[in-house]
């Protein structure tokens, strides 16, 4: 049993709020899964519509950027305080959405990102990477890295400067892609003089359950402990691993396997207690700290993976939003 097994005990408020919530029905139909996420995001947008800022407070634009084998869309938000384009340059944040590398899109984090743009005066690039199974590994990771490079090269277009702060952000599989890109950028000459200054990793995927090194086997139990839960059953996660198609031993994909984490930017990590991915996220925080990386770890006991989409109104949801904003500000302040 994991030392964190107590985190799986249901949060009473969540249990009451979710009593009539439809249980995730295991399926291998990707279109059903895509619709389920879209419906979940639509529900979040309705419940959390108070997060949306006035249209006059930011500018929205989309750009097509070239990638290997085609092009992808990035949706950008730039602060316009008081309806003016003055001010700035602003810090820059690049987002990779979650969804098992195979569902989701620009819509997934749209409301939340608009809110962050205005609340924190940060320019945002939301990357619409191509999805598995139509576009399996390494296409999503390479699309995301191309989006990160585009953001760095086009910061002035967004009234931004990486020197003011350059944050990478992702949830779930998006956090996997963000952790990967952070390692990749660390030694890339392209980012010399404009390095990433922070990373926000929300319930990240940083290891494959079928390849856990011996040294970590005594610390990762949540995949079994939380195999049955409301939002991400272990069977669904296995399907996502499968259709993404990355080698379980690939340390570029599953960054907990990397031998060296020194020199990475400070990290904010958010973990859900009932998540199959819980223990690997907690362990990643530990490994980063041991490598000298500053971190802030926030844990939400008794709630499942990505619970925020369906339950932003409960106390744990309010705490989650408050802490991600505080964590982002901590990064923007230089992680003092």
Protein backbone atom coordinates (compact mmCIF):
# COMPACT_ATOMS: atom_id res chain seq x y z
CA UNK A 1 0.00 0.00 0.00
CA UNK A 2 1.19 3.49 -0.85
CA UNK A 3 2.18 5.91 1.87
CA UNK A 4 -0.32 8.20 0.16
CA UNK A 5 -3.27 5.78 0.24
CA UNK A 6 -5.11 8.09 2.65
CA UNK A 7 -5.36 10.62 -0.18
CA UNK A 8 -7.76 8.26 -1.96
CA UNK A 9 -10.40 8.54 0.77
CA UNK A 10 -13.30 10.41 -0.90
CA UNK A 11 -13.67 14.07 -0.08
CA UNK A 12 -17.15 14.32 1.53
CA UNK A 13 -18.21 17.38 -0.45
CA UNK A 14 -17.01 15.81 -3.68
CA UNK A 15 -18.79 12.55 -2.86
CA UNK A 16 -22.07 14.39 -2.36
CA UNK A 17 -21.64 16.55 -5.47
CA UNK A 18 -20.77 13.57 -7.65
CA UNK A 19 -23.44 11.17 -6.36
CA UNK A 20 -25.56 11.55 -9.50
CA UNK A 21 -22.68 12.22 -11.86
CA UNK A 22 -22.35 9.72 -14.72
CA UNK A 23 -19.52 7.26 -14.16
CA UNK A 24 -16.89 7.12 -16.88
CA UNK A 25 -17.89 4.28 -19.18
CA UNK A 26 -14.79 2.46 -20.44
CA UNK A 27 -14.64 2.55 -24.23
CA UNK A 28 -12.12 2.28 -27.03
CA UNK A 29 -14.19 4.54 -29.28
CA UNK A 30 -12.05 7.66 -29.58
CA UNK A 31 -14.94 9.78 -30.85
CA UNK A 32 -16.98 8.90 -27.76
CA UNK A 33 -14.04 9.93 -25.60
CA UNK A 34 -13.62 13.18 -27.51
CA UNK A 35 -17.29 14.02 -27.07
CA UNK A 36 -17.08 13.23 -23.36
CA UNK A 37 -14.26 15.72 -22.89
CA UNK A 38 -16.01 18.35 -24.97
CA UNK A 39 -19.16 17.92 -22.87
CA UNK A 40 -17.12 18.17 -19.68
CA UNK A 41 -15.47 21.38 -20.81
CA UNK A 42 -18.85 22.84 -21.81
CA UNK A 43 -20.11 22.11 -18.30
CA UNK A 44 -17.04 23.77 -16.75
CA UNK A 45 -17.48 26.82 -18.97
CA UNK A 46 -21.07 27.20 -17.80
CA UNK A 47 -20.32 26.73 -14.11
CA UNK A 48 -17.16 28.87 -14.20
CA UNK A 49 -18.34 31.58 -16.60
CA UNK A 50 -17.61 34.17 -13.91
CA UNK A 51 -13.92 33.58 -14.71
CA UNK A 52 -14.32 35.07 -18.18
CA UNK A 53 -12.92 38.61 -18.39
CA UNK A 54 -14.47 41.38 -20.46
CA UNK A 55 -13.59 41.17 -24.16
CA UNK A 56 -12.01 44.61 -23.95
CA UNK A 57 -9.38 43.37 -21.49
CA UNK A 58 -7.52 41.14 -23.94
CA UNK A 59 -6.87 40.60 -27.63
CA UNK A 60 -7.44 37.22 -29.27
CA UNK A 61 -5.80 36.07 -32.48
CA UNK A 62 -5.01 32.79 -34.22
CA UNK A 63 -2.01 31.88 -36.34
CA UNK A 64 -1.16 28.89 -38.49
CA UNK A 65 2.37 27.66 -37.88
CA UNK A 66 4.37 25.17 -39.94
CA UNK A 67 5.21 21.79 -38.45
CA UNK A 68 6.69 18.64 -39.91
CA UNK A 69 4.09 17.26 -42.30
CA UNK A 70 1.62 20.14 -42.13
CA UNK A 71 0.59 23.06 -39.97
CA UNK A 72 -1.18 23.61 -36.67
CA UNK A 73 -3.11 26.46 -35.08
CA UNK A 74 -2.06 28.51 -32.08
CA UNK A 75 -4.61 30.71 -30.33
CA UNK A 76 -3.08 33.69 -28.60
CA UNK A 77 -4.33 36.03 -25.88
CA UNK A 78 -2.65 39.37 -25.14
CA UNK A 79 -3.63 41.67 -22.26
CA UNK A 80 -5.16 45.02 -23.25
CA UNK A 81 -5.78 46.73 -19.89
CA UNK A 82 -8.59 49.24 -20.15
CA UNK A 83 -9.12 48.26 -23.77
CA UNK A 84 -5.77 49.67 -24.82
CA UNK A 85 -2.81 47.95 -26.48
CA UNK A 86 -0.38 49.98 -24.39
CA UNK A 87 1.65 48.59 -21.52
CA UNK A 88 3.82 45.56 -21.66
CA UNK A 89 5.81 43.78 -22.74
CA UNK A 90 4.21 41.01 -20.73
CA UNK A 91 5.43 37.62 -19.57
CA UNK A 92 4.80 34.74 -21.96
CA UNK A 93 2.95 31.48 -21.19
CA UNK A 94 2.66 28.51 -23.56
CA UNK A 95 -0.09 25.95 -22.92
CA UNK A 96 -0.50 22.33 -24.02
CA UNK A 97 -3.98 20.94 -23.34
CA UNK A 98 -4.67 17.54 -21.81
CA UNK A 99 -6.82 14.67 -23.05
CA UNK A 100 -4.71 11.52 -23.29
CA UNK A 101 -2.75 12.84 -26.28
CA UNK A 102 -5.88 12.02 -28.28
CA UNK A 103 -8.78 14.25 -27.22
CA UNK A 104 -9.27 17.95 -26.58
CA UNK A 105 -8.16 21.01 -28.47
CA UNK A 106 -8.08 24.78 -28.25
CA UNK A 107 -11.44 24.70 -26.48
CA UNK A 108 -10.19 22.61 -23.54
CA UNK A 109 -8.53 25.36 -21.48
CA UNK A 110 -10.01 28.37 -23.28
CA UNK A 111 -12.00 29.98 -20.44
CA UNK A 112 -9.25 29.33 -17.92
CA UNK A 113 -6.52 30.78 -20.17
CA UNK A 114 -8.49 33.93 -20.92
CA UNK A 115 -8.82 34.40 -17.18
CA UNK A 116 -5.10 33.91 -16.55
CA UNK A 117 -4.23 36.34 -19.34
CA UNK A 118 -6.12 39.20 -17.75
CA UNK A 119 -5.69 38.31 -14.07
CA UNK A 120 -1.91 37.94 -14.33
CA UNK A 121 -1.19 40.27 -17.26
CA UNK A 122 0.49 37.49 -19.24
CA UNK A 123 0.44 36.82 -22.98
CA UNK A 124 -0.62 33.26 -23.76
CA UNK A 125 -0.05 30.88 -26.67
CA UNK A 126 -2.40 27.87 -26.69
CA UNK A 127 -1.05 25.13 -28.98
CA UNK A 128 -3.50 22.97 -30.96
CA UNK A 129 -1.21 20.00 -31.53
CA UNK A 130 -2.29 17.08 -33.70
CA UNK A 131 -3.85 14.13 -31.88
CA UNK A 132 -3.36 10.38 -31.67
CA UNK A 133 -4.36 7.87 -32.91
CA UNK A 134 -4.44 9.68 -36.27
CA UNK A 135 -1.15 11.35 -35.35
CA UNK A 136 0.69 9.14 -32.84
CA UNK A 137 3.99 9.73 -31.08
CA UNK A 138 6.20 11.62 -31.80
CA UNK A 139 3.86 14.00 -33.66
CA UNK A 140 2.15 15.59 -30.61
CA UNK A 141 5.45 16.20 -28.79
CA UNK A 142 7.09 17.66 -31.89
CA UNK A 143 4.08 19.87 -32.62
CA UNK A 144 4.20 21.19 -29.06
CA UNK A 145 7.90 21.91 -29.28
CA UNK A 146 7.35 23.74 -32.56
CA UNK A 147 4.65 25.78 -30.82
CA UNK A 148 7.02 26.63 -27.99
CA UNK A 149 9.67 27.80 -30.45
CA UNK A 150 7.12 29.82 -32.39
CA UNK A 151 6.08 31.58 -29.19
CA UNK A 152 9.67 32.47 -28.35
CA UNK A 153 10.30 33.79 -31.86
CA UNK A 154 7.05 35.77 -32.05
CA UNK A 155 6.84 37.20 -28.54
CA UNK A 156 6.87 40.79 -29.80
CA UNK A 157 3.79 40.02 -31.90
CA UNK A 158 2.02 39.29 -28.62
CA UNK A 159 3.46 42.30 -26.78
CA UNK A 160 5.46 39.85 -24.68
CA UNK A 161 9.06 39.27 -23.70
CA UNK A 162 10.49 35.98 -22.39
CA UNK A 163 12.76 38.12 -20.24
CA UNK A 164 9.67 39.09 -18.23
CA UNK A 165 8.90 35.42 -17.61
CA UNK A 166 8.59 32.40 -19.88
CA UNK A 167 6.25 29.76 -18.47
CA UNK A 168 5.25 26.37 -19.89
CA UNK A 169 1.90 24.99 -18.74
CA UNK A 170 -0.02 21.76 -19.20
CA UNK A 171 -2.52 19.39 -17.62
CA UNK A 172 -2.42 15.58 -17.70
CA UNK A 173 -1.01 14.52 -21.09
CA UNK A 174 -0.44 18.23 -21.69
CA UNK A 175 1.73 18.27 -18.57
CA UNK A 176 3.57 15.26 -20.00
CA UNK A 177 4.25 17.26 -23.15
CA UNK A 178 5.24 20.29 -21.08
CA UNK A 179 7.68 18.32 -18.90
CA UNK A 180 9.18 16.81 -22.05
CA UNK A 181 9.54 20.20 -23.75
CA UNK A 182 11.09 21.71 -20.61
CA UNK A 183 13.83 19.09 -20.59
CA UNK A 184 14.25 19.41 -24.34
CA UNK A 185 14.64 23.19 -24.19
CA UNK A 186 17.16 23.13 -21.35
CA UNK A 187 20.14 22.37 -23.60
CA UNK A 188 18.74 23.63 -26.90
CA UNK A 189 20.82 26.54 -28.26
CA UNK A 190 17.58 27.95 -29.72
CA UNK A 191 16.55 29.02 -26.21
CA UNK A 192 19.90 30.48 -25.22
CA UNK A 193 19.23 33.97 -23.91
CA UNK A 194 15.50 33.29 -23.54
CA UNK A 195 15.21 30.22 -21.31
CA UNK A 196 12.04 28.90 -19.76
CA UNK A 197 11.62 30.38 -16.29
CA UNK A 198 8.85 28.17 -14.91
CA UNK A 199 6.64 25.15 -15.48
CA UNK A 200 3.08 24.42 -14.32
CA UNK A 201 2.33 20.69 -14.34
CA UNK A 202 -1.21 19.69 -13.42
CA UNK A 203 -1.69 15.96 -12.63
CA UNK A 204 1.17 15.06 -15.00
CA UNK A 205 1.98 11.79 -16.78
CA UNK A 206 5.71 11.32 -16.15
CA UNK A 207 6.12 7.53 -16.25
CA UNK A 208 4.50 4.56 -17.99
CA UNK A 209 2.95 2.09 -15.56
CA UNK A 210 4.48 -0.84 -17.48
CA UNK A 211 8.03 0.36 -16.91
CA UNK A 212 8.73 1.48 -13.38
CA UNK A 213 12.41 1.21 -12.43
CA UNK A 214 13.18 -0.86 -9.35
CA UNK A 215 14.18 2.22 -7.35
CA UNK A 216 10.68 3.67 -7.75
CA UNK A 217 8.57 0.54 -7.26
CA UNK A 218 8.15 1.18 -3.54
CA UNK A 219 6.76 4.65 -4.23
CA UNK A 220 4.21 4.15 -7.02
CA UNK A 221 0.98 2.34 -6.11
CA UNK A 222 -1.77 4.73 -7.12
CA UNK A 223 -2.37 3.17 -10.54
CA UNK A 224 -3.74 0.11 -8.73
CA UNK A 225 -5.17 1.90 -5.70
CA UNK A 226 -7.14 4.32 -7.86
CA UNK A 227 -7.85 1.99 -10.76
CA UNK A 228 -11.59 2.64 -10.42
CA UNK A 229 -12.54 6.29 -10.17
CA UNK A 230 -15.01 8.74 -11.63
CA UNK A 231 -12.93 10.44 -14.33
CA UNK A 232 -9.87 8.37 -15.35
CA UNK A 233 -10.08 4.61 -14.75
CA UNK A 234 -6.81 2.75 -15.18
CA UNK A 235 -8.29 0.99 -18.22
CA UNK A 236 -8.78 4.35 -19.95
CA UNK A 237 -5.24 5.43 -19.13
CA UNK A 238 -3.92 2.20 -20.62
CA UNK A 239 -5.85 2.93 -23.80
CA UNK A 240 -4.30 6.39 -23.98
CA UNK A 241 -0.79 4.94 -23.54
CA UNK A 242 -1.55 2.46 -26.31
CA UNK A 243 -2.82 4.87 -28.93
CA UNK A 244 -0.12 7.45 -28.20
CA UNK A 245 2.36 4.72 -29.05
CA UNK A 246 5.48 5.82 -27.19
CA UNK A 247 7.95 3.26 -25.86
CA UNK A 248 7.38 2.88 -22.08
CA UNK A 249 11.16 3.10 -21.62
CA UNK A 250 11.53 6.37 -23.57
CA UNK A 251 12.89 8.90 -21.10
CA UNK A 252 12.16 11.76 -23.48
CA UNK A 253 8.45 10.96 -23.15
CA UNK A 254 8.33 9.74 -19.54
CA UNK A 255 10.59 12.28 -17.90
CA UNK A 256 10.72 10.66 -14.46
CA UNK A 257 13.10 8.19 -16.14
CA UNK A 258 15.63 10.90 -17.01
CA UNK A 259 18.89 10.59 -15.05
CA UNK A 260 19.40 14.34 -14.69
CA UNK A 261 16.90 17.04 -13.76
CA UNK A 262 19.40 19.71 -12.75
CA UNK A 263 19.00 23.12 -14.29
CA UNK A 264 15.27 22.90 -14.93
CA UNK A 265 13.12 25.93 -14.13
CA UNK A 266 10.99 26.07 -10.96
CA UNK A 267 7.84 23.97 -11.05
CA UNK A 268 4.29 24.17 -9.74
CA UNK A 269 2.77 20.69 -9.53
CA UNK A 270 -0.88 19.90 -8.77
CA UNK A 271 -1.96 16.39 -7.81
CA UNK A 272 -5.35 14.73 -7.26
CA UNK A 273 -5.66 12.19 -4.44
CA UNK A 274 -7.88 9.69 -6.30
CA UNK A 275 -5.85 9.90 -9.52
CA UNK A 276 -4.08 6.80 -10.91
CA UNK A 277 -1.26 9.24 -11.74
CA UNK A 278 -1.01 10.57 -8.16
CA UNK A 279 2.14 8.86 -6.93
CA UNK A 280 4.25 9.55 -10.01
CA UNK A 281 3.42 13.25 -9.75
CA UNK A 282 4.40 13.37 -6.08
CA UNK A 283 7.58 11.46 -6.89
CA UNK A 284 8.42 13.83 -9.74
CA UNK A 285 8.20 16.74 -7.30
CA UNK A 286 10.61 14.90 -4.98
CA UNK A 287 13.06 14.11 -7.79
CA UNK A 288 13.04 17.72 -8.98
CA UNK A 289 13.71 19.03 -5.48
CA UNK A 290 16.57 16.56 -5.01
CA UNK A 291 18.06 17.98 -8.23
CA UNK A 292 17.94 21.49 -6.79
CA UNK A 293 14.80 22.61 -8.66
CA UNK A 294 12.44 24.82 -6.69
CA UNK A 295 8.91 23.43 -6.54
CA UNK A 296 5.48 24.08 -5.11
CA UNK A 297 3.40 20.92 -4.65
CA UNK A 298 -0.36 21.18 -4.16
CA UNK A 299 -2.38 18.04 -3.40
CA UNK A 300 -6.18 17.73 -3.45
CA UNK A 301 -7.18 14.73 -1.30
CA UNK A 302 -10.17 12.61 -2.18
CA UNK A 303 -10.84 13.92 -5.68
CA UNK A 304 -10.08 12.26 -9.04
CA UNK A 305 -8.02 13.24 -12.06
CA UNK A 306 -9.04 16.58 -13.62
CA UNK A 307 -11.94 16.92 -11.18
CA UNK A 308 -11.82 20.67 -11.73
CA UNK A 309 -13.67 20.35 -15.05
CA UNK A 310 -16.82 19.01 -13.43
CA UNK A 311 -16.57 20.34 -9.88
CA UNK A 312 -15.02 23.83 -9.84
CA UNK A 313 -17.67 24.97 -7.36
CA UNK A 314 -16.67 22.67 -4.46
CA UNK A 315 -14.11 23.84 -1.91
CA UNK A 316 -11.38 21.67 -3.42
CA UNK A 317 -12.11 23.23 -6.81
CA UNK A 318 -11.92 26.74 -5.41
CA UNK A 319 -8.68 25.83 -3.67
CA UNK A 320 -7.31 24.40 -6.91
CA UNK A 321 -7.97 27.60 -8.87
CA UNK A 322 -6.62 29.77 -6.08
CA UNK A 323 -3.44 27.73 -5.79
CA UNK A 324 -2.69 27.51 -9.49
CA UNK A 325 -2.99 31.29 -9.68
CA UNK A 326 -0.76 31.70 -6.63
CA UNK A 327 1.71 29.24 -8.13
CA UNK A 328 1.77 31.06 -11.45
CA UNK A 329 2.38 34.35 -9.67
CA UNK A 330 5.18 32.72 -7.68
CA UNK A 331 6.82 31.72 -10.95
CA UNK A 332 6.31 35.17 -12.45
CA UNK A 333 7.89 36.68 -9.34
CA UNK A 334 10.99 34.58 -9.93
CA UNK A 335 10.13 31.74 -7.50
CA UNK A 336 11.47 33.57 -4.42
